[in-house]
Protein backbone atom coordinates (compact mmCIF):
# COMPACT_ATOMS: atom_id res chain seq x y z
CA MET A 1 -0.87 21.41 -56.74
CA TYR A 2 -4.08 20.13 -55.64
CA SER A 3 -5.27 19.55 -52.35
CA THR A 4 -5.74 16.31 -50.71
CA GLU A 5 -9.26 17.00 -50.66
CA VAL A 6 -9.76 17.32 -54.35
CA GLU A 7 -7.66 13.84 -54.72
CA LYS A 8 -10.14 12.32 -52.34
CA TRP A 9 -13.13 13.47 -54.44
CA LEU A 10 -11.68 12.63 -57.56
CA ASP A 11 -11.02 8.94 -56.35
CA GLU A 12 -14.35 8.75 -54.77
CA VAL A 13 -16.33 9.84 -58.25
CA ALA A 14 -13.64 7.45 -60.30
CA GLU A 15 -15.00 4.47 -57.99
CA ARG A 16 -18.62 5.78 -57.90
CA ASP A 17 -18.10 5.50 -61.84
CA GLU A 18 -16.34 2.51 -62.05
CA ARG A 19 -19.07 0.50 -59.61
CA LEU A 20 -22.20 1.80 -61.63
CA TYR A 21 -20.50 0.77 -64.90
CA GLU A 22 -20.47 -2.82 -63.05
CA LEU A 23 -23.63 -3.08 -62.30
CA TYR A 24 -25.43 -1.43 -65.12
CA GLY A 25 -22.91 -0.68 -68.23
CA LYS A 26 -21.34 -4.09 -68.60
CA PRO A 27 -24.86 -5.96 -69.58
CA HIS A 28 -25.03 -3.64 -72.39
CA GLU A 29 -21.80 -4.78 -73.71
CA TYR A 30 -22.42 -7.44 -76.39
CA VAL A 31 -25.05 -5.21 -77.71
CA HIS A 32 -24.11 -1.62 -77.39
CA GLU A 33 -20.23 -1.69 -77.67
CA GLY A 34 -18.51 1.23 -78.78
CA GLU A 35 -21.65 3.16 -77.79
CA TYR A 36 -21.90 5.85 -75.18
CA ILE A 37 -23.58 5.33 -72.07
CA ALA A 38 -24.78 7.74 -68.66
CA ILE A 39 -25.78 5.82 -65.76
CA GLY A 40 -27.05 7.31 -63.04
CA SER A 41 -26.93 6.30 -59.13
CA ASP A 42 -30.47 4.56 -59.86
CA GLY A 43 -29.10 2.47 -62.30
CA ARG A 44 -31.24 4.32 -65.12
CA THR A 45 -29.24 4.80 -68.43
CA ILE A 46 -28.87 6.69 -71.53
CA ILE A 47 -27.04 4.70 -74.60
CA SER A 48 -26.30 6.48 -78.00
CA THR A 49 -23.59 6.53 -80.38
CA ASP A 50 -23.54 10.28 -80.12
CA PRO A 51 -21.91 11.56 -77.25
CA ASP A 52 -23.13 14.74 -77.39
CA TYR A 53 -26.87 13.18 -76.86
CA VAL A 54 -25.91 11.16 -74.17
CA LEU A 55 -24.05 14.21 -72.54
CA ILE A 56 -27.20 16.43 -72.90
CA ARG A 57 -29.87 13.95 -71.87
CA ALA A 58 -28.07 13.05 -69.04
CA VAL A 59 -27.47 16.18 -67.40
CA GLU A 60 -31.39 17.07 -68.02
CA THR A 61 -32.07 13.83 -66.56
CA PHE A 62 -29.86 13.15 -63.74
CA GLY A 63 -28.34 16.55 -63.24
CA ARG A 64 -24.78 17.79 -63.68
CA GLY A 65 -22.32 15.31 -61.80
CA ASN A 66 -24.99 12.75 -61.18
CA PHE A 67 -24.29 10.19 -63.07
CA ALA A 68 -21.54 8.08 -64.80
CA LEU A 69 -20.61 8.59 -68.39
CA THR A 70 -18.18 6.19 -70.80
CA ARG A 71 -17.89 4.40 -73.89
CA ILE A 72 -19.47 0.72 -73.71
CA GLY A 73 -16.70 -1.79 -73.40
CA HIS A 74 -14.03 0.72 -72.78
CA LYS A 75 -12.46 0.86 -69.66
CA ALA A 76 -10.99 4.50 -69.18
CA PHE A 77 -12.57 5.21 -65.88
CA GLY A 78 -10.80 8.03 -63.54
CA GLN A 79 -8.26 8.58 -66.67
CA TRP A 80 -9.35 12.16 -67.64
CA LEU A 81 -10.01 12.93 -63.88
CA THR A 82 -6.19 11.71 -63.29
CA LEU A 83 -4.49 15.10 -61.68
CA SER A 84 -1.35 15.55 -63.59
CA PRO A 85 2.10 16.75 -61.36
């Protein structure tokens, strides 16, 4: 079983990612829907149709764990972080 600390951390990451998307990702929905986006805490974004490119560039640019990563127009934040019993 996962500890309460890990669950709390996962919730915080999911909330951060949702907030970043609402502020900096949502405005790209009309032009880039379905593409992948990485959003740094400062609002800088990396967008591409290639998820591998976005992930590699995000790690290089923002540092591991310092960005939100999702598909534009898809609400899936926290789902991959959800702990299974």
